[in-house]
């Protein structure tokens, strides 16, 4: 029998489980091809974001440079959440002035 309080059970729920329950999204594998799902986030300062991840406990890989085709080279860090989902942190290129809206 689970002796945790409702608050403790809520805190123990992983975000992948929440997305699956609330939005019916299965982030473990791609519905179309069966490949592992990866979630990407753009960050302003990759070194700082990686440092915060390492301080919080998750293992984060080294900073790599990837060729993103028409978007040029971008610095990237890969880490994994507690559910085993690959998370990509991608550094935004420096933009002087206001940033254009997303297309």
PDB file of N, CA and C in Angstrom:
ATOM      1  N   UNK A   1       0.838  -1.187   0.000  1.00  0.00           N
ATOM      2  CA  UNK A   1       0.000   0.000   0.000  1.00  0.00           C
ATOM      3  C   UNK A   1       0.882   1.249   0.000  1.00  0.00           C
ATOM      4  N   UNK A   2       0.518   2.221  -0.805  1.00  0.00           N
ATOM      5  CA  UNK A   2       1.282   3.466  -0.901  1.00  0.00           C
ATOM      6  C   UNK A   2       0.933   4.359   0.284  1.00  0.00           C
ATOM      7  N   UNK A   3       1.929   4.670   1.105  1.00  0.00           N
ATOM      8  CA  UNK A   3       1.684   5.470   2.305  1.00  0.00           C
ATOM      9  C   UNK A   3       2.001   6.954   2.098  1.00  0.00           C
ATOM     10  N   UNK A   4       2.337   7.341   0.864  1.00  0.00           N
ATOM     11  CA  UNK A   4       2.645   8.749   0.595  1.00  0.00           C
ATOM     12  C   UNK A   4       1.366   9.586   0.603  1.00  0.00           C
ATOM     13  N   UNK A   5       1.527  10.852   0.961  1.00  0.00           N
ATOM     14  CA  UNK A   5       0.397  11.779   0.915  1.00  0.00           C
ATOM     15  C   UNK A   5       0.093  12.112  -0.537  1.00  0.00           C
ATOM     16  N   UNK A   6      -1.099  12.659  -0.838  1.00  0.00           N
ATOM     17  CA  UNK A   6      -1.396  13.073  -2.209  1.00  0.00           C
ATOM     18  C   UNK A   6      -0.361  14.063  -2.758  1.00  0.00           C
ATOM     19  N   UNK A   7       0.130  14.968  -1.919  1.00  0.00           N
ATOM     20  CA  UNK A   7       1.145  15.929  -2.354  1.00  0.00           C
ATOM     21  C   UNK A   7       2.439  15.219  -2.725  1.00  0.00           C
ATOM     22  N   UNK A   8       2.847  14.236  -1.925  1.00  0.00           N
ATOM     23  CA  UNK A   8       4.068  13.485  -2.225  1.00  0.00           C
ATOM     24  C   UNK A   8       3.913  12.684  -3.517  1.00  0.00           C
ATOM     25  N   UNK A   9       2.754  12.072  -3.735  1.00  0.00           N
ATOM     26  CA  UNK A   9       2.513  11.339  -4.976  1.00  0.00           C
ATOM     27  C   UNK A   9       2.524  12.277  -6.176  1.00  0.00           C
ATOM     28  N   UNK A  10       1.929  13.463  -6.010  1.00  0.00           N
ATOM     29  CA  UNK A  10       1.906  14.462  -7.091  1.00  0.00           C
ATOM     30  C   UNK A  10       3.332  14.887  -7.458  1.00  0.00           C
ATOM     31  N   UNK A  11       4.155  15.157  -6.463  1.00  0.00           N
ATOM     32  CA  UNK A  11       5.541  15.582  -6.718  1.00  0.00           C
ATOM     33  C   UNK A  11       6.374  14.478  -7.359  1.00  0.00           C
ATOM     34  N   UNK A  12       6.030  13.236  -7.082  1.00  0.00           N
ATOM     35  CA  UNK A  12       6.792  12.105  -7.622  1.00  0.00           C
ATOM     36  C   UNK A  12       6.423  11.792  -9.068  1.00  0.00           C
ATOM     37  N   UNK A  13       5.347  12.399  -9.583  1.00  0.00           N
ATOM     38  CA  UNK A  13       4.925  12.140 -10.954  1.00  0.00           C
ATOM     39  C   UNK A  13       5.870  12.835 -11.912  1.00  0.00           C
ATOM     40  N   UNK A  14       6.426  12.080 -12.850  1.00  0.00           N
ATOM     41  CA  UNK A  14       7.349  12.648 -13.823  1.00  0.00           C
ATOM     42  C   UNK A  14       6.569  13.396 -14.893  1.00  0.00           C
ATOM     43  N   UNK A  15       7.237  14.371 -15.519  1.00  0.00           N
ATOM     44  CA  UNK A  15       6.528  15.198 -16.492  1.00  0.00           C
ATOM     45  C   UNK A  15       6.089  14.386 -17.700  1.00  0.00           C
ATOM     46  N   UNK A  16       6.842  13.370 -18.081  1.00  0.00           N
ATOM     47  CA  UNK A  16       6.422  12.519 -19.180  1.00  0.00           C
ATOM     48  C   UNK A  16       5.111  11.803 -18.859  1.00  0.00           C
ATOM     49  N   UNK A  17       4.970  11.379 -17.601  1.00  0.00           N
ATOM     50  CA  UNK A  17       3.738  10.719 -17.171  1.00  0.00           C
ATOM     51  C   UNK A  17       2.565  11.708 -17.185  1.00  0.00           C
ATOM     52  N   UNK A  18       2.837  12.934 -16.784  1.00  0.00           N
ATOM     53  CA  UNK A  18       1.778  13.953 -16.769  1.00  0.00           C
ATOM     54  C   UNK A  18       1.294  14.267 -18.177  1.00  0.00           C
ATOM     55  N   UNK A  19       2.223  14.443 -19.107  1.00  0.00           N
ATOM     56  CA  UNK A  19       1.840  14.733 -20.484  1.00  0.00           C
ATOM     57  C   UNK A  19       1.031  13.594 -21.079  1.00  0.00           C
ATOM     58  N   UNK A  20       1.424  12.379 -20.731  1.00  0.00           N
ATOM     59  CA  UNK A  20       0.700  11.205 -21.237  1.00  0.00           C
ATOM     60  C   UNK A  20      -0.715  11.172 -20.675  1.00  0.00           C
ATOM     61  N   UNK A  21      -0.856  11.442 -19.382  1.00  0.00           N
ATOM     62  CA  UNK A  21      -2.162  11.386 -18.733  1.00  0.00           C
ATOM     63  C   UNK A  21      -3.064  12.543 -19.163  1.00  0.00           C
ATOM     64  N   UNK A  22      -2.535  13.758 -19.173  1.00  0.00           N
ATOM     65  CA  UNK A  22      -3.364  14.937 -19.428  1.00  0.00           C
ATOM     66  C   UNK A  22      -3.624  15.172 -20.915  1.00  0.00           C
ATOM     67  N   UNK A  23      -2.571  15.057 -21.736  1.00  0.00           N
ATOM     68  CA  UNK A  23      -2.711  15.396 -23.149  1.00  0.00           C
ATOM     69  C   UNK A  23      -2.685  14.186 -24.075  1.00  0.00           C
ATOM     70  N   UNK A  24      -2.592  12.994 -23.503  1.00  0.00           N
ATOM     71  CA  UNK A  24      -2.516  11.761 -24.298  1.00  0.00           C
ATOM     72  C   UNK A  24      -1.299  11.762 -25.220  1.00  0.00           C
ATOM     73  N   UNK A  25      -0.199  12.386 -24.762  1.00  0.00           N
ATOM     74  CA  UNK A  25       1.052  12.420 -25.517  1.00  0.00           C
ATOM     75  C   UNK A  25       2.005  11.375 -24.962  1.00  0.00           C
ATOM     76  N   UNK A  26       2.465  10.488 -25.797  1.00  0.00           N
ATOM     77  CA  UNK A  26       3.453   9.497 -25.389  1.00  0.00           C
ATOM     78  C   UNK A  26       4.805   9.966 -25.902  1.00  0.00           C
ATOM     79  N   UNK A  27       5.645  10.439 -25.008  1.00  0.00           N
ATOM     80  CA  UNK A  27       6.933  10.985 -25.408  1.00  0.00           C
ATOM     81  C   UNK A  27       8.041   9.945 -25.424  1.00  0.00           C
ATOM     82  N   UNK A  28       7.709   8.696 -25.218  1.00  0.00           N
ATOM     83  CA  UNK A  28       8.746   7.680 -25.207  1.00  0.00           C
ATOM     84  C   UNK A  28       9.154   7.264 -26.604  1.00  0.00           C
ATOM     85  N   UNK A  29       8.197   7.243 -27.537  1.00  0.00           N
ATOM     86  CA  UNK A  29       8.542   6.867 -28.907  1.00  0.00           C
ATOM     87  C   UNK A  29       7.631   7.586 -29.891  1.00  0.00           C
ATOM     88  N   UNK A  30       8.146   7.804 -31.078  1.00  0.00           N
ATOM     89  CA  UNK A  30       7.411   8.476 -32.142  1.00  0.00           C
ATOM     90  C   UNK A  30       6.296   7.565 -32.636  1.00  0.00           C
ATOM     91  N   UNK A  31       5.100   8.095 -32.700  1.00  0.00           N
ATOM     92  CA  UNK A  31       3.951   7.323 -33.157  1.00  0.00           C
ATOM     93  C   UNK A  31       4.113   6.883 -34.611  1.00  0.00           C
ATOM     94  N   UNK A  32       4.749   7.733 -35.422  1.00  0.00           N
ATOM     95  CA  UNK A  32       4.887   7.453 -36.839  1.00  0.00           C
ATOM     96  C   UNK A  32       5.969   6.443 -37.178  1.00  0.00           C
ATOM     97  N   UNK A  33       7.143   6.587 -36.545  1.00  0.00           N
ATOM     98  CA  UNK A  33       8.273   5.732 -36.941  1.00  0.00           C
ATOM     99  C   UNK A  33       8.818   4.856 -35.824  1.00  0.00           C
ATOM    100  N   UNK A  34       8.384   5.095 -34.587  1.00  0.00           N
ATOM    101  CA  UNK A  34       8.843   4.280 -33.469  1.00  0.00           C
ATOM    102  C   UNK A  34      10.175   4.707 -32.867  1.00  0.00           C
ATOM    103  N   UNK A  35      10.791   5.757 -33.427  1.00  0.00           N
ATOM    104  CA  UNK A  35      12.077   6.229 -32.893  1.00  0.00           C
ATOM    105  C   UNK A  35      11.879   6.914 -31.547  1.00  0.00           C
ATOM    106  N   UNK A  36      12.969   6.985 -30.782  1.00  0.00           N
ATOM    107  CA  UNK A  36      12.915   7.671 -29.498  1.00  0.00           C
ATOM    108  C   UNK A  36      12.632   9.152 -29.719  1.00  0.00           C
ATOM    109  N   UNK A  37      11.735   9.697 -28.911  1.00  0.00           N
ATOM    110  CA  UNK A  37      11.396  11.116 -29.011  1.00  0.00           C
ATOM    111  C   UNK A  37      12.480  11.946 -28.349  1.00  0.00           C
ATOM    112  N   UNK A  38      12.778  13.086 -28.955  1.00  0.00           N
ATOM    113  CA  UNK A  38      13.717  14.051 -28.382  1.00  0.00           C
ATOM    114  C   UNK A  38      12.991  15.381 -28.288  1.00  0.00           C
ATOM    115  N   UNK A  39      13.220  16.099 -27.210  1.00  0.00           N
ATOM    116  CA  UNK A  39      12.590  17.392 -27.003  1.00  0.00           C
ATOM    117  C   UNK A  39      13.695  18.446 -27.034  1.00  0.00           C
ATOM    118  N   UNK A  40      13.497  19.498 -27.831  1.00  0.00           N
ATOM    119  CA  UNK A  40      14.522  20.532 -27.989  1.00  0.00           C
ATOM    120  C   UNK A  40      14.048  21.849 -27.387  1.00  0.00           C
ATOM    121  N   UNK A  41      14.986  22.539 -26.744  1.00  0.00           N
ATOM    122  CA  UNK A  41      14.730  23.853 -26.154  1.00  0.00           C
ATOM    123  C   UNK A  41      15.808  24.809 -26.637  1.00  0.00           C
ATOM    124  N   UNK A  42      15.416  26.021 -27.012  1.00  0.00           N
ATOM    125  CA  UNK A  42      16.403  27.051 -27.333  1.00  0.00           C
ATOM    126  C   UNK A  42      16.729  27.809 -26.063  1.00  0.00           C
ATOM    127  N   UNK A  43      18.012  28.068 -25.849  1.00  0.00           N
ATOM    128  CA  UNK A  43      18.460  28.808 -24.677  1.00  0.00           C
ATOM    129  C   UNK A  43      19.368  29.946 -25.122  1.00  0.00           C
ATOM    130  N   UNK A  44      19.446  30.991 -24.306  1.00  0.00           N
ATOM    131  CA  UNK A  44      20.296  32.140 -24.629  1.00  0.00           C
ATOM    132  C   UNK A  44      21.764  31.882 -24.304  1.00  0.00           C
ATOM    133  N   UNK A  45      22.014  31.208 -23.176  1.00  0.00           N
ATOM    134  CA  UNK A  45      23.386  30.991 -22.709  1.00  0.00           C
ATOM    135  C   UNK A  45      23.559  29.506 -22.410  1.00  0.00           C
ATOM    136  N   UNK A  46      24.118  28.775 -23.354  1.00  0.00           N
ATOM    137  CA  UNK A  46      24.219  27.321 -23.244  1.00  0.00           C
ATOM    138  C   UNK A  46      25.104  26.879 -22.078  1.00  0.00           C
ATOM    139  N   UNK A  47      26.221  27.540 -21.894  1.00  0.00           N
ATOM    140  CA  UNK A  47      27.130  27.165 -20.803  1.00  0.00           C
ATOM    141  C   UNK A  47      26.444  27.341 -19.442  1.00  0.00           C
ATOM    142  N   UNK A  48      25.692  28.418 -19.292  1.00  0.00           N
ATOM    143  CA  UNK A  48      24.988  28.664 -18.029  1.00  0.00           C
ATOM    144  C   UNK A  48      23.880  27.625 -17.825  1.00  0.00           C
ATOM    145  N   UNK A  49      23.111  27.327 -18.884  1.00  0.00           N
ATOM    146  CA  UNK A  49      22.041  26.329 -18.783  1.00  0.00           C
ATOM    147  C   UNK A  49      22.617  24.964 -18.427  1.00  0.00           C
ATOM    148  N   UNK A  50      23.735  24.592 -19.046  1.00  0.00           N
ATOM    149  CA  UNK A  50      24.377  23.306 -18.755  1.00  0.00           C
ATOM    150  C   UNK A  50      24.853  23.275 -17.306  1.00  0.00           C
ATOM    151  N   UNK A  51      25.433  24.380 -16.839  1.00  0.00           N
ATOM    152  CA  UNK A  51      25.885  24.468 -15.452  1.00  0.00           C
ATOM    153  C   UNK A  51      24.742  24.286 -14.463  1.00  0.00           C
ATOM    154  N   UNK A  52      23.588  24.870 -14.767  1.00  0.00           N
ATOM    155  CA  UNK A  52      22.421  24.720 -13.887  1.00  0.00           C
ATOM    156  C   UNK A  52      21.936  23.278 -13.873  1.00  0.00           C
ATOM    157  N   UNK A  53      21.962  22.622 -15.026  1.00  0.00           N
ATOM    158  CA  UNK A  53      21.573  21.206 -15.071  1.00  0.00           C
ATOM    159  C   UNK A  53      22.512  20.361 -14.224  1.00  0.00           C
ATOM    160  N   UNK A  54      23.814  20.578 -14.388  1.00  0.00           N
ATOM    161  CA  UNK A  54      24.788  19.795 -13.631  1.00  0.00           C
ATOM    162  C   UNK A  54      24.639  20.025 -12.131  1.00  0.00           C
ATOM    163  N   UNK A  55      24.337  21.259 -11.737  1.00  0.00           N
ATOM    164  CA  UNK A  55      24.156  21.572 -10.313  1.00  0.00           C
ATOM    165  C   UNK A  55      22.906  20.898  -9.755  1.00  0.00           C
ATOM    166  N   UNK A  56      21.890  20.699 -10.608  1.00  0.00           N
ATOM    167  CA  UNK A  56      20.637  20.082 -10.163  1.00  0.00           C
ATOM    168  C   UNK A  56      20.715  18.559 -10.131  1.00  0.00           C
ATOM    169  N   UNK A  57      21.733  17.991 -10.761  1.00  0.00           N
ATOM    170  CA  UNK A  57      21.895  16.551 -10.693  1.00  0.00           C
ATOM    171  C   UNK A  57      21.879  15.789 -12.003  1.00  0.00           C
ATOM    172  N   UNK A  58      21.042  16.173 -12.994  1.00  0.00           N
ATOM    173  CA  UNK A  58      21.047  15.358 -14.215  1.00  0.00           C
ATOM    174  C   UNK A  58      22.378  15.425 -14.941  1.00  0.00           C
ATOM    175  N   UNK A  59      22.799  14.305 -15.475  1.00  0.00           N
ATOM    176  CA  UNK A  59      24.028  14.290 -16.264  1.00  0.00           C
ATOM    177  C   UNK A  59      23.770  15.016 -17.581  1.00  0.00           C
ATOM    178  N   UNK A  60      24.645  15.927 -17.904  1.00  0.00           N
ATOM    179  CA  UNK A  60      24.546  16.658 -19.169  1.00  0.00           C
ATOM    180  C   UNK A  60      25.819  16.401 -19.949  1.00  0.00           C
ATOM    181  N   UNK A  61      25.664  16.165 -21.229  1.00  0.00           N
ATOM    182  CA  UNK A  61      26.816  15.898 -22.072  1.00  0.00           C
ATOM    183  C   UNK A  61      27.648  17.151 -22.297  1.00  0.00           C
ATOM    184  N   UNK A  62      28.713  17.014 -23.054  1.00  0.00           N
ATOM    185  CA  UNK A  62      29.565  18.167 -23.349  1.00  0.00           C
ATOM    186  C   UNK A  62      28.872  19.104 -24.343  1.00  0.00           C
ATOM    187  N   UNK A  63      29.362  20.318 -24.438  1.00  0.00           N
ATOM    188  CA  UNK A  63      28.862  21.255 -25.444  1.00  0.00           C
ATOM    189  C   UNK A  63      29.439  20.837 -26.787  1.00  0.00           C
ATOM    190  N   UNK A  64      28.547  20.601 -27.749  1.00  0.00           N
ATOM    191  CA  UNK A  64      28.937  20.189 -29.098  1.00  0.00           C
ATOM    192  C   UNK A  64      28.515  21.266 -30.087  1.00  0.00           C
ATOM    193  N   UNK A  65      29.141  21.273 -31.249  1.00  0.00           N
ATOM    194  CA  UNK A  65      28.724  22.170 -32.324  1.00  0.00           C
ATOM    195  C   UNK A  65      28.135  21.321 -33.436  1.00  0.00           C
ATOM    196  N   UNK A  66      26.887  21.621 -33.807  1.00  0.00           N
ATOM    197  CA  UNK A  66      26.186  20.880 -34.853  1.00  0.00           C
ATOM    198  C   UNK A  66      25.952  21.773 -36.057  1.00  0.00           C
ATOM    199  N   UNK A  67      25.992  21.195 -37.234  1.00  0.00           N
ATOM    200  CA  UNK A  67      25.629  21.908 -38.455  1.00  0.00           C
ATOM    201  C   UNK A  67      24.117  21.802 -38.600  1.00  0.00           C
ATOM    202  N   UNK A  68      23.417  22.918 -38.524  1.00  0.00           N
ATOM    203  CA  UNK A  68      21.957  22.945 -38.607  1.00  0.00           C
ATOM    204  C   UNK A  68      21.477  23.390 -39.988  1.00  0.00           C
ATOM    205  N   UNK A  69      22.266  23.076 -41.008  1.00  0.00           N
ATOM    206  CA  UNK A  69      21.866  23.394 -42.378  1.00  0.00           C
ATOM    207  C   UNK A  69      21.710  24.885 -42.598  1.00  0.00           C
ATOM    208  N   UNK A  70      20.527  25.289 -43.051  1.00  0.00           N
ATOM    209  CA  UNK A  70      20.294  26.702 -43.366  1.00  0.00           C
ATOM    210  C   UNK A  70      20.388  27.611 -42.145  1.00  0.00           C
ATOM    211  N   UNK A  71      20.327  27.040 -40.942  1.00  0.00           N
ATOM    212  CA  UNK A  71      20.419  27.829 -39.720  1.00  0.00           C
ATOM    213  C   UNK A  71      21.860  27.996 -39.246  1.00  0.00           C
ATOM    214  N   UNK A  72      22.803  27.402 -39.949  1.00  0.00           N
ATOM    215  CA  UNK A  72      24.211  27.518 -39.602  1.00  0.00           C
ATOM    216  C   UNK A  72      24.606  26.588 -38.465  1.00  0.00           C
ATOM    217  N   UNK A  73      25.789  26.813 -37.925  1.00  0.00           N
ATOM    218  CA  UNK A  73      26.267  25.996 -36.807  1.00  0.00           C
ATOM    219  C   UNK A  73      25.666  26.505 -35.509  1.00  0.00           C
ATOM    220  N   UNK A  74      25.264  25.575 -34.660  1.00  0.00           N
ATOM    221  CA  UNK A  74      24.690  25.914 -33.357  1.00  0.00           C
ATOM    222  C   UNK A  74      25.348  25.044 -32.297  1.00  0.00           C
ATOM    223  N   UNK A  75      25.521  25.620 -31.098  1.00  0.00           N
ATOM    224  CA  UNK A  75      26.056  24.857 -29.971  1.00  0.00           C
ATOM    225  C   UNK A  75      24.905  24.128 -29.287  1.00  0.00           C
ATOM    226  N   UNK A  76      25.157  22.848 -28.919  1.00  0.00           N
ATOM    227  CA  UNK A  76      24.104  21.979 -28.401  1.00  0.00           C
ATOM    228  C   UNK A  76      24.626  21.159 -27.227  1.00  0.00           C
ATOM    229  N   UNK A  77      23.753  20.893 -26.259  1.00  0.00           N
ATOM    230  CA  UNK A  77      24.026  19.969 -25.151  1.00  0.00           C
ATOM    231  C   UNK A  77      22.867  18.974 -25.093  1.00  0.00           C
ATOM    232  N   UNK A  78      23.197  17.708 -24.909  1.00  0.00           N
ATOM    233  CA  UNK A  78      22.185  16.653 -24.759  1.00  0.00           C
ATOM    234  C   UNK A  78      22.194  16.167 -23.311  1.00  0.00           C
ATOM    235  N   UNK A  79      21.007  15.990 -22.754  1.00  0.00           N
ATOM    236  CA  UNK A  79      20.876  15.362 -21.438  1.00  0.00           C
ATOM    237  C   UNK A  79      19.604  14.522 -21.466  1.00  0.00           C
ATOM    238  N   UNK A  80      19.361  13.794 -20.413  1.00  0.00           N
ATOM    239  CA  UNK A  80      18.192  12.912 -20.347  1.00  0.00           C
ATOM    240  C   UNK A  80      17.415  13.203 -19.079  1.00  0.00           C
ATOM    241  N   UNK A  81      16.093  13.253 -19.208  1.00  0.00           N
ATOM    242  CA  UNK A  81      15.256  13.467 -18.032  1.00  0.00           C
ATOM    243  C   UNK A  81      15.095  12.135 -17.287  1.00  0.00           C
ATOM    244  N   UNK A  82      14.447  12.147 -16.116  1.00  0.00           N
ATOM    245  CA  UNK A  82      14.299  10.904 -15.355  1.00  0.00           C
ATOM    246  C   UNK A  82      13.528   9.807 -16.088  1.00  0.00           C
ATOM    247  N   UNK A  83      12.719  10.174 -17.093  1.00  0.00           N
ATOM    248  CA  UNK A  83      11.989   9.184 -17.875  1.00  0.00           C
ATOM    249  C   UNK A  83      12.831   8.628 -19.013  1.00  0.00           C
ATOM    250  N   UNK A  84      14.061   9.135 -19.188  1.00  0.00           N
ATOM    251  CA  UNK A  84      14.930   8.668 -20.257  1.00  0.00           C
ATOM    252  C   UNK A  84      14.731   9.390 -21.572  1.00  0.00           C
ATOM    253  N   UNK A  85      13.953  10.465 -21.567  1.00  0.00           N
ATOM    254  CA  UNK A  85      13.703  11.241 -22.788  1.00  0.00           C
ATOM    255  C   UNK A  85      14.890  12.163 -23.034  1.00  0.00           C
ATOM    256  N   UNK A  86      15.391  12.156 -24.269  1.00  0.00           N
ATOM    257  CA  UNK A  86      16.523  13.006 -24.625  1.00  0.00           C
ATOM    258  C   UNK A  86      16.068  14.458 -24.726  1.00  0.00           C
ATOM    259  N   UNK A  87      16.794  15.328 -24.062  1.00  0.00           N
ATOM    260  CA  UNK A  87      16.525  16.765 -24.109  1.00  0.00           C
ATOM    261  C   UNK A  87      17.699  17.451 -24.783  1.00  0.00           C
ATOM    262  N   UNK A  88      17.416  18.239 -25.801  1.00  0.00           N
ATOM    263  CA  UNK A  88      18.454  18.997 -26.503  1.00  0.00           C
ATOM    264  C   UNK A  88      18.336  20.455 -26.106  1.00  0.00           C
ATOM    265  N   UNK A  89      19.409  21.007 -25.603  1.00  0.00           N
ATOM    266  CA  UNK A  89      19.472  22.449 -25.354  1.00  0.00           C
ATOM    267  C   UNK A  89      20.262  23.043 -26.509  1.00  0.00           C
ATOM    268  N   UNK A  90      19.660  23.957 -27.240  1.00  0.00           N
ATOM    269  CA  UNK A  90      20.278  24.541 -28.424  1.00  0.00           C
ATOM    270  C   UNK A  90      20.441  26.036 -28.197  1.00  0.00           C
ATOM    271  N   UNK A  91      21.665  26.517 -28.313  1.00  0.00           N
ATOM    272  CA  UNK A  91      21.928  27.939 -28.077  1.00  0.00           C
ATOM    273  C   UNK A  91      21.442  28.769 -29.265  1.00  0.00           C
ATOM    274  N   UNK A  92      20.677  29.800 -28.952  1.00  0.00           N
ATOM    275  CA  UNK A  92      20.208  30.717 -29.985  1.00  0.00           C
ATOM    276  C   UNK A  92      21.385  31.532 -30.504  1.00  0.00           C
ATOM    277  N   UNK A  93      21.378  31.871 -31.778  1.00  0.00           N
ATOM    278  CA  UNK A  93      22.416  32.771 -32.263  1.00  0.00           C
ATOM    279  C   UNK A  93      22.198  34.161 -31.676  1.00  0.00           C
ATOM    280  N   UNK A  94      23.272  34.897 -31.505  1.00  0.00           N
ATOM    281  CA  UNK A  94      23.158  36.258 -30.992  1.00  0.00           C
ATOM    282  C   UNK A  94      22.429  37.129 -32.004  1.00  0.00           C
ATOM    283  N   UNK A  95      21.478  37.893 -31.528  1.00  0.00           N
ATOM    284  CA  UNK A  95      20.716  38.805 -32.378  1.00  0.00           C
ATOM    285  C   UNK A  95      20.782  40.183 -31.746  1.00  0.00           C
ATOM    286  N   UNK A  96      21.247  41.163 -32.510  1.00  0.00           N
ATOM    287  CA  UNK A  96      21.272  42.529 -32.023  1.00  0.00           C
ATOM    288  C   UNK A  96      19.907  43.155 -32.263  1.00  0.00           C
ATOM    289  N   UNK A  97      19.394  43.858 -31.273  1.00  0.00           N
ATOM    290  CA  UNK A  97      18.092  44.496 -31.412  1.00  0.00           C
ATOM    291  C   UNK A  97      16.977  43.523 -31.093  1.00  0.00           C
ATOM    292  N   UNK A  98      15.740  43.915 -31.430  1.00  0.00           N
ATOM    293  CA  UNK A  98      14.599  43.045 -31.113  1.00  0.00           C
ATOM    294  C   UNK A  98      14.637  41.761 -31.911  1.00  0.00           C
ATOM    295  N   UNK A  99      14.200  40.689 -31.292  1.00  0.00           N
ATOM    296  CA  UNK A  99      14.172  39.386 -31.963  1.00  0.00           C
ATOM    297  C   UNK A  99      12.934  39.304 -32.850  1.00  0.00           C
ATOM    298  N   UNK A 100      13.078  38.698 -34.023  1.00  0.00           N
ATOM    299  CA  UNK A 100      11.894  38.534 -34.878  1.00  0.00           C
ATOM    300  C   UNK A 100      10.954  37.501 -34.266  1.00  0.00           C
ATOM    301  N   UNK A 101       9.646  37.620 -34.545  1.00  0.00           N
ATOM    302  CA  UNK A 101       8.715  36.617 -34.010  1.00  0.00           C
ATOM    303  C   UNK A 101       8.920  35.274 -34.689  1.00  0.00           C
ATOM    304  N   UNK A 102       8.432  34.218 -34.028  1.00  0.00           N
ATOM    305  CA  UNK A 102       8.527  32.881 -34.614  1.00  0.00           C
ATOM    306  C   UNK A 102       7.681  32.823 -35.880  1.00  0.00           C
ATOM    307  N   UNK A 103       8.152  32.069 -36.853  1.00  0.00           N
ATOM    308  CA  UNK A 103       7.400  31.929 -38.109  1.00  0.00           C
ATOM    309  C   UNK A 103       6.317  30.895 -37.970  1.00  0.00           C
TER     310      UNK A 103
END
